[in-house]
Amino acid sequence: MANDWSEFYTAQAGRGVRATFVAGLEARDDLPPGRAIDLGCGDGVETRELLERGWRVLAIDSDDAVEDRVRSTIGDAADGAPVEIWQRSFETLTGLPEADFVYAGFALPFCDASHFPYLWADIRESLQPGGVFAGEFFGPDDDWFGRPGMNFHDSAGVQRMLADLDIVQVVEDNRDGLSFEGPKHWHVFHVVARNPA
């Protein structure tokens, strides 16, 4: 993955919200909006959608330009809507606040493997009863498997991470495609899981 996240986010300009994000919101549409955490918020597309739906949002990303980038994307969607923006890496992030929805779109694989168990424990602890996690994990068949600073999980490992959560979906995507760097074989688990009420 390119080290320049700003360049990546610029290339992603104009994209819509991701399917796993939509599935995550649908998994708790029986409850009113609450507090959401957008982990690896990037350009703020999902942050904006959450604000427009009435959520209070904490948007977190390691990119130095995250504040300006997200503020630009959300525009008037933030008028009167509570939004916090933190510029932090996953490796320095601790003590997530309580949340009703945690979204991590293609972000968690970019946490160093040595720190990932602590990040995942924080995510699990932050999820309130009825709260939903939605996001992606990369599998061992992925072309980036073994890259420093990343973490990967097989199907059994993903199931272990979701223990005690109600699984809404685990969609395994193992195919050739494109990435920001060019052609790539993707091995991705698209996950939505709900904390029992």
N, C-alpha and C. Protein backbone atom coordinates (compact mmCIF):
# COMPACT_ATOMS: atom_id res chain seq x y z
N MET A 1 0.84 -1.19 0.00
CA MET A 1 0.00 0.00 0.00
C MET A 1 0.87 1.24 0.00
N ALA A 2 0.48 2.23 -0.75
CA ALA A 2 1.24 3.48 -0.77
C ALA A 2 1.26 4.11 0.60
N ASN A 3 2.40 4.69 0.97
CA ASN A 3 2.52 5.32 2.28
C ASN A 3 1.83 6.67 2.33
N ASP A 4 1.56 7.27 1.16
CA ASP A 4 0.95 8.58 1.12
C ASP A 4 -0.56 8.45 1.12
N TRP A 5 -1.16 8.46 2.31
CA TRP A 5 -2.61 8.31 2.41
C TRP A 5 -3.34 9.48 1.77
N SER A 6 -2.77 10.68 1.84
CA SER A 6 -3.43 11.83 1.22
C SER A 6 -3.62 11.59 -0.27
N GLU A 7 -2.60 11.06 -0.93
CA GLU A 7 -2.69 10.77 -2.36
C GLU A 7 -3.76 9.72 -2.62
N PHE A 8 -3.83 8.70 -1.77
CA PHE A 8 -4.84 7.67 -1.91
C PHE A 8 -6.24 8.25 -1.78
N TYR A 9 -6.46 9.09 -0.75
CA TYR A 9 -7.79 9.66 -0.54
C TYR A 9 -8.18 10.58 -1.68
N THR A 10 -7.24 11.30 -2.23
CA THR A 10 -7.53 12.15 -3.38
C THR A 10 -7.99 11.31 -4.57
N ALA A 11 -7.32 10.16 -4.77
CA ALA A 11 -7.70 9.27 -5.87
C ALA A 11 -9.08 8.67 -5.67
N GLN A 12 -9.52 8.56 -4.41
CA GLN A 12 -10.83 7.99 -4.08
C GLN A 12 -11.96 9.02 -4.15
N ALA A 13 -11.65 10.25 -4.45
CA ALA A 13 -12.64 11.33 -4.43
C ALA A 13 -13.85 10.98 -5.28
N GLY A 14 -15.03 11.26 -4.73
CA GLY A 14 -16.27 11.03 -5.46
C GLY A 14 -16.91 9.67 -5.24
N ARG A 15 -16.25 8.80 -4.46
CA ARG A 15 -16.84 7.48 -4.24
C ARG A 15 -18.07 7.59 -3.34
N GLY A 16 -18.95 6.61 -3.42
CA GLY A 16 -20.10 6.55 -2.53
C GLY A 16 -19.77 5.79 -1.27
N VAL A 17 -20.74 5.68 -0.36
CA VAL A 17 -20.52 4.89 0.85
C VAL A 17 -20.37 3.42 0.47
N ARG A 18 -19.61 2.69 1.27
CA ARG A 18 -19.32 1.30 0.96
C ARG A 18 -20.47 0.38 1.39
N ALA A 19 -20.57 -0.77 0.71
CA ALA A 19 -21.67 -1.70 0.95
C ALA A 19 -21.67 -2.24 2.37
N THR A 20 -20.49 -2.52 2.93
CA THR A 20 -20.44 -3.05 4.30
C THR A 20 -20.95 -2.01 5.30
N PHE A 21 -20.67 -0.74 5.05
CA PHE A 21 -21.18 0.34 5.88
C PHE A 21 -22.72 0.34 5.86
N VAL A 22 -23.30 0.24 4.68
CA VAL A 22 -24.76 0.23 4.54
C VAL A 22 -25.35 -0.97 5.27
N ALA A 23 -24.72 -2.14 5.10
CA ALA A 23 -25.21 -3.34 5.77
C ALA A 23 -25.13 -3.19 7.29
N GLY A 24 -24.08 -2.52 7.77
CA GLY A 24 -23.95 -2.30 9.21
C GLY A 24 -25.06 -1.41 9.75
N LEU A 25 -25.37 -0.34 9.05
CA LEU A 25 -26.46 0.53 9.49
C LEU A 25 -27.80 -0.20 9.45
N GLU A 26 -28.01 -1.00 8.43
CA GLU A 26 -29.27 -1.75 8.32
C GLU A 26 -29.41 -2.76 9.45
N ALA A 27 -28.29 -3.24 9.99
CA ALA A 27 -28.32 -4.23 11.06
C ALA A 27 -28.82 -3.64 12.37
N ARG A 28 -28.86 -2.31 12.47
CA ARG A 28 -29.39 -1.70 13.69
C ARG A 28 -30.42 -0.62 13.38
N ASP A 29 -31.11 -0.77 12.25
CA ASP A 29 -32.10 0.24 11.89
C ASP A 29 -33.38 0.16 12.72
N ASP A 30 -33.41 -0.82 13.65
CA ASP A 30 -34.53 -0.90 14.59
C ASP A 30 -34.31 0.03 15.79
N LEU A 31 -33.15 0.67 15.84
CA LEU A 31 -32.81 1.56 16.96
C LEU A 31 -32.52 2.96 16.44
N PRO A 32 -32.72 3.99 17.26
CA PRO A 32 -32.43 5.35 16.81
C PRO A 32 -30.92 5.58 16.71
N PRO A 33 -30.50 6.60 15.94
CA PRO A 33 -29.08 6.92 15.85
C PRO A 33 -28.51 7.25 17.23
N GLY A 34 -27.26 6.88 17.44
CA GLY A 34 -26.57 7.16 18.69
C GLY A 34 -25.19 7.71 18.38
N ARG A 35 -24.18 7.11 19.04
CA ARG A 35 -22.81 7.54 18.79
C ARG A 35 -22.11 6.53 17.89
N ALA A 36 -21.43 7.04 16.86
CA ALA A 36 -20.70 6.19 15.93
C ALA A 36 -19.22 6.55 15.95
N ILE A 37 -18.39 5.54 15.69
CA ILE A 37 -16.96 5.74 15.51
C ILE A 37 -16.61 5.30 14.09
N ASP A 38 -15.98 6.18 13.33
CA ASP A 38 -15.53 5.88 11.98
C ASP A 38 -14.01 5.74 12.04
N LEU A 39 -13.55 4.49 12.12
CA LEU A 39 -12.12 4.19 12.25
C LEU A 39 -11.46 4.16 10.88
N GLY A 40 -10.38 4.91 10.73
CA GLY A 40 -9.77 5.03 9.42
C GLY A 40 -10.71 5.78 8.48
N CYS A 41 -11.21 6.91 8.97
CA CYS A 41 -12.29 7.64 8.29
C CYS A 41 -11.87 8.20 6.94
N GLY A 42 -10.56 8.35 6.69
CA GLY A 42 -10.09 8.76 5.38
C GLY A 42 -10.66 10.08 4.93
N ASP A 43 -11.42 10.03 3.84
CA ASP A 43 -11.97 11.25 3.25
C ASP A 43 -13.27 11.70 3.90
N GLY A 44 -13.81 10.90 4.82
CA GLY A 44 -15.00 11.32 5.56
C GLY A 44 -16.32 11.06 4.88
N VAL A 45 -16.34 10.22 3.85
CA VAL A 45 -17.60 9.94 3.14
C VAL A 45 -18.63 9.30 4.07
N GLU A 46 -18.20 8.28 4.81
CA GLU A 46 -19.14 7.63 5.74
C GLU A 46 -19.46 8.53 6.93
N THR A 47 -18.49 9.32 7.38
CA THR A 47 -18.75 10.28 8.46
C THR A 47 -19.87 11.22 8.07
N ARG A 48 -19.82 11.74 6.86
CA ARG A 48 -20.86 12.64 6.38
C ARG A 48 -22.22 11.94 6.37
N GLU A 49 -22.26 10.71 5.87
CA GLU A 49 -23.53 9.97 5.82
C GLU A 49 -24.11 9.78 7.22
N LEU A 50 -23.24 9.45 8.17
CA LEU A 50 -23.71 9.27 9.55
C LEU A 50 -24.29 10.57 10.11
N LEU A 51 -23.60 11.67 9.89
CA LEU A 51 -24.10 12.97 10.37
C LEU A 51 -25.44 13.30 9.75
N GLU A 52 -25.59 13.04 8.47
CA GLU A 52 -26.85 13.34 7.78
C GLU A 52 -27.99 12.47 8.30
N ARG A 53 -27.64 11.31 8.87
CA ARG A 53 -28.66 10.41 9.43
C ARG A 53 -28.90 10.67 10.92
N GLY A 54 -28.23 11.69 11.46
CA GLY A 54 -28.50 12.08 12.85
C GLY A 54 -27.59 11.48 13.89
N TRP A 55 -26.49 10.86 13.47
CA TRP A 55 -25.56 10.26 14.42
C TRP A 55 -24.60 11.32 14.97
N ARG A 56 -24.11 11.08 16.20
CA ARG A 56 -22.95 11.80 16.74
C ARG A 56 -21.74 10.97 16.34
N VAL A 57 -20.69 11.61 15.79
CA VAL A 57 -19.61 10.85 15.17
C VAL A 57 -18.24 11.24 15.74
N LEU A 58 -17.44 10.20 16.00
CA LEU A 58 -16.02 10.36 16.26
C LEU A 58 -15.30 9.77 15.05
N ALA A 59 -14.61 10.62 14.28
CA ALA A 59 -13.89 10.19 13.09
C ALA A 59 -12.39 10.15 13.41
N ILE A 60 -11.74 9.02 13.11
CA ILE A 60 -10.34 8.81 13.48
C ILE A 60 -9.55 8.36 12.26
N ASP A 61 -8.39 8.99 12.06
CA ASP A 61 -7.51 8.59 10.97
C ASP A 61 -6.08 9.03 11.30
N SER A 62 -5.10 8.33 10.75
CA SER A 62 -3.70 8.67 11.03
C SER A 62 -3.16 9.76 10.10
N ASP A 63 -3.86 10.05 9.03
CA ASP A 63 -3.36 11.02 8.05
C ASP A 63 -3.26 12.41 8.66
N ASP A 64 -2.14 13.08 8.40
CA ASP A 64 -1.92 14.41 8.96
C ASP A 64 -2.98 15.42 8.53
N ALA A 65 -3.57 15.20 7.36
CA ALA A 65 -4.55 16.16 6.82
C ALA A 65 -5.99 15.77 7.14
N VAL A 66 -6.19 14.84 8.09
CA VAL A 66 -7.54 14.32 8.32
C VAL A 66 -8.54 15.41 8.71
N GLU A 67 -8.15 16.34 9.55
CA GLU A 67 -9.08 17.39 9.99
C GLU A 67 -9.61 18.18 8.80
N ASP A 68 -8.71 18.71 7.98
CA ASP A 68 -9.14 19.50 6.82
C ASP A 68 -9.92 18.66 5.82
N ARG A 69 -9.45 17.43 5.58
CA ARG A 69 -10.09 16.57 4.60
C ARG A 69 -11.53 16.23 4.99
N VAL A 70 -11.71 15.83 6.25
CA VAL A 70 -13.06 15.45 6.70
C VAL A 70 -13.97 16.67 6.77
N ARG A 71 -13.46 17.78 7.28
CA ARG A 71 -14.29 19.00 7.34
C ARG A 71 -14.74 19.42 5.95
N SER A 72 -13.86 19.28 4.97
CA SER A 72 -14.22 19.63 3.59
C SER A 72 -15.31 18.69 3.06
N THR A 73 -15.19 17.40 3.36
CA THR A 73 -16.17 16.44 2.86
C THR A 73 -17.53 16.60 3.51
N ILE A 74 -17.54 16.80 4.83
CA ILE A 74 -18.84 16.85 5.51
C ILE A 74 -19.55 18.18 5.27
N GLY A 75 -18.81 19.25 5.00
CA GLY A 75 -19.43 20.53 4.69
C GLY A 75 -20.51 20.91 5.67
N ASP A 76 -21.69 21.24 5.14
CA ASP A 76 -22.79 21.70 6.01
C ASP A 76 -23.48 20.55 6.73
N ALA A 77 -23.08 19.30 6.46
CA ALA A 77 -23.66 18.17 7.21
C ALA A 77 -23.30 18.27 8.68
N ALA A 78 -22.24 19.00 9.02
CA ALA A 78 -21.81 19.13 10.41
C ALA A 78 -22.53 20.27 11.13
N ASP A 79 -23.32 21.06 10.42
CA ASP A 79 -24.00 22.18 11.05
C ASP A 79 -24.89 21.68 12.18
N GLY A 80 -24.49 21.96 13.40
CA GLY A 80 -25.26 21.55 14.57
C GLY A 80 -25.12 20.09 14.93
N ALA A 81 -24.38 19.31 14.12
CA ALA A 81 -24.23 17.89 14.40
C ALA A 81 -22.91 17.66 15.13
N PRO A 82 -22.96 16.89 16.22
CA PRO A 82 -21.73 16.66 16.98
C PRO A 82 -20.75 15.75 16.23
N VAL A 83 -19.57 16.29 15.91
CA VAL A 83 -18.53 15.50 15.26
C VAL A 83 -17.19 15.85 15.89
N GLU A 84 -16.44 14.81 16.24
CA GLU A 84 -15.06 14.97 16.71
C GLU A 84 -14.15 14.31 15.69
N ILE A 85 -12.96 14.89 15.49
CA ILE A 85 -12.00 14.31 14.57
C ILE A 85 -10.67 14.15 15.31
N TRP A 86 -10.18 12.90 15.34
CA TRP A 86 -8.90 12.62 16.00
C TRP A 86 -7.88 12.20 14.93
N GLN A 87 -6.70 12.78 15.00
CA GLN A 87 -5.60 12.36 14.13
C GLN A 87 -4.70 11.45 14.97
N ARG A 88 -4.88 10.13 14.80
CA ARG A 88 -4.11 9.14 15.58
C ARG A 88 -3.92 7.88 14.77
N SER A 89 -2.80 7.23 14.99
CA SER A 89 -2.59 5.92 14.37
C SER A 89 -3.27 4.86 15.23
N PHE A 90 -3.55 3.73 14.63
CA PHE A 90 -4.16 2.63 15.39
C PHE A 90 -3.24 2.18 16.52
N GLU A 91 -1.94 2.27 16.30
CA GLU A 91 -0.98 1.80 17.30
C GLU A 91 -0.91 2.70 18.53
N THR A 92 -1.38 3.94 18.42
CA THR A 92 -1.38 4.86 19.56
C THR A 92 -2.79 5.10 20.10
N LEU A 93 -3.76 4.47 19.48
CA LEU A 93 -5.16 4.69 19.86
C LEU A 93 -5.54 3.78 21.01
N THR A 94 -5.99 4.37 22.10
CA THR A 94 -6.47 3.58 23.25
C THR A 94 -7.71 4.25 23.82
N GLY A 95 -8.50 3.44 24.51
CA GLY A 95 -9.64 3.99 25.23
C GLY A 95 -10.73 4.57 24.35
N LEU A 96 -11.22 3.78 23.40
CA LEU A 96 -12.33 4.25 22.58
C LEU A 96 -13.56 4.50 23.44
N PRO A 97 -14.33 5.54 23.13
CA PRO A 97 -15.55 5.79 23.91
C PRO A 97 -16.64 4.78 23.58
N GLU A 98 -17.67 4.74 24.38
CA GLU A 98 -18.81 3.87 24.11
C GLU A 98 -19.43 4.24 22.77
N ALA A 99 -19.85 3.22 22.03
CA ALA A 99 -20.39 3.47 20.69
C ALA A 99 -21.52 2.49 20.38
N ASP A 100 -22.45 2.96 19.57
CA ASP A 100 -23.56 2.13 19.09
C ASP A 100 -23.27 1.57 17.70
N PHE A 101 -22.28 2.15 17.02
CA PHE A 101 -21.89 1.68 15.70
C PHE A 101 -20.41 1.99 15.51
N VAL A 102 -19.63 0.96 15.16
CA VAL A 102 -18.21 1.15 14.86
C VAL A 102 -17.99 0.67 13.43
N TYR A 103 -17.52 1.58 12.60
CA TYR A 103 -17.26 1.25 11.20
C TYR A 103 -15.76 1.38 10.93
N ALA A 104 -15.21 0.37 10.26
CA ALA A 104 -13.78 0.37 9.92
C ALA A 104 -13.63 -0.19 8.51
N GLY A 105 -13.91 0.63 7.52
CA GLY A 105 -13.90 0.20 6.14
C GLY A 105 -12.50 0.07 5.57
N PHE A 106 -12.04 -1.15 5.33
CA PHE A 106 -10.72 -1.45 4.77
C PHE A 106 -9.60 -0.79 5.57
N ALA A 107 -9.81 -0.60 6.86
CA ALA A 107 -8.84 0.13 7.69
C ALA A 107 -8.06 -0.77 8.64
N LEU A 108 -8.73 -1.69 9.32
CA LEU A 108 -8.09 -2.47 10.37
C LEU A 108 -6.88 -3.28 9.90
N PRO A 109 -6.83 -3.77 8.64
CA PRO A 109 -5.63 -4.50 8.22
C PRO A 109 -4.35 -3.67 8.29
N PHE A 110 -4.48 -2.35 8.38
CA PHE A 110 -3.30 -1.48 8.40
C PHE A 110 -2.84 -1.14 9.82
N CYS A 111 -3.30 -1.93 10.78
CA CYS A 111 -2.77 -1.87 12.14
C CYS A 111 -1.69 -2.94 12.26
N ASP A 112 -0.56 -2.59 12.86
CA ASP A 112 0.51 -3.55 13.04
C ASP A 112 0.01 -4.78 13.80
N ALA A 113 0.42 -5.96 13.34
CA ALA A 113 -0.07 -7.21 13.92
C ALA A 113 0.18 -7.30 15.42
N SER A 114 1.28 -6.72 15.90
CA SER A 114 1.59 -6.80 17.33
C SER A 114 0.62 -5.98 18.18
N HIS A 115 0.00 -4.97 17.59
CA HIS A 115 -0.92 -4.11 18.34
C HIS A 115 -2.38 -4.45 18.06
N PHE A 116 -2.64 -5.16 16.98
CA PHE A 116 -4.03 -5.40 16.59
C PHE A 116 -4.89 -6.01 17.69
N PRO A 117 -4.41 -7.01 18.46
CA PRO A 117 -5.28 -7.57 19.51
C PRO A 117 -5.76 -6.52 20.50
N TYR A 118 -4.94 -5.51 20.79
CA TYR A 118 -5.35 -4.47 21.73
C TYR A 118 -6.38 -3.54 21.09
N LEU A 119 -6.20 -3.24 19.82
CA LEU A 119 -7.18 -2.42 19.11
C LEU A 119 -8.52 -3.14 19.04
N TRP A 120 -8.48 -4.42 18.70
CA TRP A 120 -9.74 -5.17 18.60
C TRP A 120 -10.42 -5.27 19.96
N ALA A 121 -9.65 -5.44 21.02
CA ALA A 121 -10.24 -5.47 22.37
C ALA A 121 -10.90 -4.14 22.70
N ASP A 122 -10.28 -3.03 22.29
CA ASP A 122 -10.90 -1.71 22.50
C ASP A 122 -12.20 -1.58 21.73
N ILE A 123 -12.22 -2.06 20.50
CA ILE A 123 -13.44 -2.00 19.69
C ILE A 123 -14.54 -2.80 20.36
N ARG A 124 -14.22 -4.02 20.78
CA ARG A 124 -15.22 -4.87 21.42
C ARG A 124 -15.75 -4.24 22.70
N GLU A 125 -14.85 -3.64 23.47
CA GLU A 125 -15.25 -3.01 24.73
C GLU A 125 -16.12 -1.78 24.49
N SER A 126 -15.88 -1.08 23.41
CA SER A 126 -16.64 0.15 23.15
C SER A 126 -18.07 -0.14 22.70
N LEU A 127 -18.29 -1.31 22.07
CA LEU A 127 -19.61 -1.62 21.54
C LEU A 127 -20.63 -1.80 22.65
N GLN A 128 -21.65 -0.98 22.62
CA GLN A 128 -22.71 -1.06 23.62
C GLN A 128 -23.69 -2.18 23.27
N PRO A 129 -24.53 -2.61 24.22
CA PRO A 129 -25.54 -3.63 23.90
C PRO A 129 -26.37 -3.18 22.69
N GLY A 130 -26.50 -4.06 21.71
CA GLY A 130 -27.19 -3.72 20.48
C GLY A 130 -26.32 -3.00 19.47
N GLY A 131 -25.08 -2.67 19.85
CA GLY A 131 -24.17 -1.96 18.96
C GLY A 131 -23.65 -2.87 17.85
N VAL A 132 -23.30 -2.27 16.73
CA VAL A 132 -22.89 -3.01 15.55
C VAL A 132 -21.47 -2.64 15.13
N PHE A 133 -20.69 -3.66 14.77
CA PHE A 133 -19.40 -3.45 14.12
C PHE A 133 -19.56 -3.80 12.66
N ALA A 134 -18.99 -2.97 11.78
CA ALA A 134 -18.95 -3.26 10.35
C ALA A 134 -17.57 -2.90 9.82
N GLY A 135 -16.96 -3.80 9.07
CA GLY A 135 -15.64 -3.51 8.53
C GLY A 135 -15.04 -4.71 7.82
N GLU A 136 -13.79 -4.57 7.44
CA GLU A 136 -13.11 -5.60 6.67
C GLU A 136 -11.85 -6.09 7.37
N PHE A 137 -11.56 -7.39 7.13
CA PHE A 137 -10.29 -8.01 7.51
C PHE A 137 -9.69 -8.62 6.25
N PHE A 138 -8.36 -8.66 6.16
CA PHE A 138 -7.69 -9.27 5.03
C PHE A 138 -7.27 -10.69 5.40
N GLY A 139 -7.38 -11.59 4.41
CA GLY A 139 -7.04 -12.98 4.62
C GLY A 139 -5.67 -13.36 4.10
N PRO A 140 -5.24 -14.60 4.33
CA PRO A 140 -3.87 -15.04 4.00
C PRO A 140 -3.61 -15.18 2.50
N ASP A 141 -4.65 -15.22 1.67
CA ASP A 141 -4.44 -15.31 0.22
C ASP A 141 -4.24 -13.94 -0.42
N ASP A 142 -4.35 -12.88 0.37
CA ASP A 142 -4.21 -11.53 -0.16
C ASP A 142 -2.77 -11.28 -0.61
N ASP A 143 -2.61 -10.57 -1.73
CA ASP A 143 -1.27 -10.28 -2.25
C ASP A 143 -0.39 -9.52 -1.25
N TRP A 144 -1.02 -8.80 -0.32
CA TRP A 144 -0.23 -8.02 0.63
C TRP A 144 0.12 -8.82 1.88
N PHE A 145 -0.27 -10.09 1.91
CA PHE A 145 0.00 -10.92 3.09
C PHE A 145 1.49 -10.87 3.44
N GLY A 146 1.76 -10.61 4.73
CA GLY A 146 3.13 -10.58 5.22
C GLY A 146 3.78 -9.21 5.17
N ARG A 147 3.10 -8.21 4.64
CA ARG A 147 3.69 -6.87 4.62
C ARG A 147 3.85 -6.35 6.05
N PRO A 148 4.98 -5.71 6.33
CA PRO A 148 5.18 -5.14 7.66
C PRO A 148 4.10 -4.09 7.97
N GLY A 149 3.72 -4.03 9.25
CA GLY A 149 2.76 -3.03 9.68
C GLY A 149 1.31 -3.39 9.42
N MET A 150 1.07 -4.63 8.97
CA MET A 150 -0.30 -5.05 8.67
C MET A 150 -0.64 -6.32 9.46
N ASN A 151 -1.93 -6.68 9.46
CA ASN A 151 -2.37 -7.92 10.10
C ASN A 151 -3.34 -8.65 9.17
N PHE A 152 -3.36 -9.98 9.27
CA PHE A 152 -4.16 -10.82 8.39
C PHE A 152 -4.78 -11.95 9.22
N HIS A 153 -5.95 -12.44 8.77
CA HIS A 153 -6.69 -13.45 9.53
C HIS A 153 -7.35 -14.43 8.58
N ASP A 154 -7.27 -15.71 8.91
CA ASP A 154 -8.00 -16.69 8.12
C ASP A 154 -9.44 -16.75 8.60
N SER A 155 -10.25 -17.58 7.94
CA SER A 155 -11.68 -17.66 8.27
C SER A 155 -11.92 -18.04 9.72
N ALA A 156 -11.15 -19.01 10.22
CA ALA A 156 -11.31 -19.43 11.61
C ALA A 156 -10.95 -18.29 12.56
N GLY A 157 -9.91 -17.52 12.23
CA GLY A 157 -9.52 -16.39 13.06
C GLY A 157 -10.58 -15.32 13.11
N VAL A 158 -11.22 -15.05 11.97
CA VAL A 158 -12.30 -14.07 11.93
C VAL A 158 -13.45 -14.54 12.82
N GLN A 159 -13.80 -15.82 12.72
CA GLN A 159 -14.88 -16.35 13.55
C GLN A 159 -14.55 -16.23 15.04
N ARG A 160 -13.28 -16.46 15.39
CA ARG A 160 -12.89 -16.33 16.81
C ARG A 160 -13.04 -14.88 17.28
N MET A 161 -12.67 -13.93 16.43
CA MET A 161 -12.79 -12.52 16.81
C MET A 161 -14.25 -12.12 17.03
N LEU A 162 -15.14 -12.80 16.34
CA LEU A 162 -16.56 -12.45 16.44
C LEU A 162 -17.31 -13.27 17.49
N ALA A 163 -16.56 -14.07 18.25
CA ALA A 163 -17.20 -14.86 19.31
C ALA A 163 -17.99 -13.97 20.24
N ASP A 164 -19.16 -14.43 20.61
CA ASP A 164 -20.09 -13.72 21.52
C ASP A 164 -20.80 -12.55 20.85
N LEU A 165 -20.54 -12.30 19.56
CA LEU A 165 -21.33 -11.32 18.81
C LEU A 165 -22.32 -12.07 17.93
N ASP A 166 -23.42 -11.45 17.61
CA ASP A 166 -24.37 -12.02 16.67
C ASP A 166 -23.91 -11.66 15.26
N ILE A 167 -23.53 -12.66 14.48
CA ILE A 167 -23.01 -12.40 13.14
C ILE A 167 -24.16 -12.12 12.17
N VAL A 168 -24.12 -10.96 11.55
CA VAL A 168 -25.09 -10.59 10.54
C VAL A 168 -24.60 -11.04 9.17
N GLN A 169 -23.32 -10.80 8.89
CA GLN A 169 -22.73 -11.29 7.64
C GLN A 169 -21.22 -11.44 7.78
N VAL A 170 -20.70 -12.47 7.14
CA VAL A 170 -19.27 -12.60 6.87
C VAL A 170 -19.19 -13.03 5.42
N VAL A 171 -18.86 -12.08 4.56
CA VAL A 171 -18.76 -12.35 3.13
C VAL A 171 -17.28 -12.42 2.76
N GLU A 172 -16.86 -13.59 2.27
CA GLU A 172 -15.45 -13.78 1.90
C GLU A 172 -15.29 -13.49 0.41
N ASP A 173 -14.35 -12.59 0.11
CA ASP A 173 -14.09 -12.15 -1.26
C ASP A 173 -12.65 -12.52 -1.58
N ASN A 174 -12.45 -13.49 -2.46
CA ASN A 174 -11.12 -13.99 -2.79
C ASN A 174 -10.98 -13.96 -4.30
N ARG A 175 -10.44 -12.86 -4.83
CA ARG A 175 -10.48 -12.65 -6.28
C ARG A 175 -9.39 -11.69 -6.74
N ASP A 176 -9.12 -11.72 -8.02
CA ASP A 176 -8.23 -10.73 -8.63
C ASP A 176 -9.00 -9.44 -8.85
N GLY A 177 -8.28 -8.34 -8.72
CA GLY A 177 -8.90 -7.03 -8.93
C GLY A 177 -7.84 -5.96 -9.04
N LEU A 178 -8.24 -4.76 -8.72
CA LEU A 178 -7.33 -3.61 -8.79
C LEU A 178 -7.22 -2.96 -7.42
N SER A 179 -6.08 -2.37 -7.16
CA SER A 179 -5.87 -1.57 -5.96
C SER A 179 -5.28 -0.23 -6.40
N PHE A 180 -5.02 0.62 -5.44
CA PHE A 180 -4.39 1.90 -5.71
C PHE A 180 -3.03 1.72 -6.38
N GLU A 181 -2.39 0.58 -6.09
CA GLU A 181 -1.07 0.30 -6.64
C GLU A 181 -1.12 -0.42 -7.98
N GLY A 182 -2.31 -0.84 -8.42
CA GLY A 182 -2.44 -1.58 -9.67
C GLY A 182 -3.09 -2.94 -9.45
N PRO A 183 -2.89 -3.91 -10.36
CA PRO A 183 -3.51 -5.24 -10.22
C PRO A 183 -3.13 -5.89 -8.89
N LYS A 184 -4.08 -6.60 -8.31
CA LYS A 184 -3.87 -7.20 -6.98
C LYS A 184 -4.84 -8.35 -6.79
N HIS A 185 -4.39 -9.39 -6.07
CA HIS A 185 -5.33 -10.41 -5.61
C HIS A 185 -5.82 -10.03 -4.23
N TRP A 186 -7.13 -9.91 -4.11
CA TRP A 186 -7.76 -9.52 -2.84
C TRP A 186 -8.25 -10.77 -2.12
N HIS A 187 -8.04 -10.80 -0.81
CA HIS A 187 -8.69 -11.78 0.06
C HIS A 187 -9.24 -11.00 1.24
N VAL A 188 -10.54 -10.77 1.22
CA VAL A 188 -11.17 -9.85 2.16
C VAL A 188 -12.39 -10.51 2.79
N PHE A 189 -12.56 -10.29 4.09
CA PHE A 189 -13.77 -10.67 4.80
C PHE A 189 -14.55 -9.40 5.11
N HIS A 190 -15.75 -9.28 4.54
CA HIS A 190 -16.63 -8.14 4.81
C HIS A 190 -17.56 -8.55 5.94
N VAL A 191 -17.40 -7.89 7.09
CA VAL A 191 -18.04 -8.35 8.32
C VAL A 191 -19.04 -7.34 8.86
N VAL A 192 -20.18 -7.85 9.29
CA VAL A 192 -21.12 -7.08 10.10
C VAL A 192 -21.54 -7.98 11.25
N ALA A 193 -21.39 -7.47 12.48
CA ALA A 193 -21.74 -8.26 13.67
C ALA A 193 -22.33 -7.33 14.73
N ARG A 194 -23.24 -7.86 15.50
CA ARG A 194 -23.97 -7.06 16.49
C ARG A 194 -23.73 -7.58 17.89
N ASN A 195 -23.51 -6.67 18.81
CA ASN A 195 -23.35 -7.03 20.22
C ASN A 195 -24.75 -7.34 20.77
N PRO A 196 -24.93 -8.49 21.37
CA PRO A 196 -26.27 -8.81 21.89
C PRO A 196 -26.78 -7.75 22.85
N ALA A 197 -28.05 -7.47 22.76
CA ALA A 197 -28.66 -6.45 23.63
C ALA A 197 -28.77 -6.97 25.06
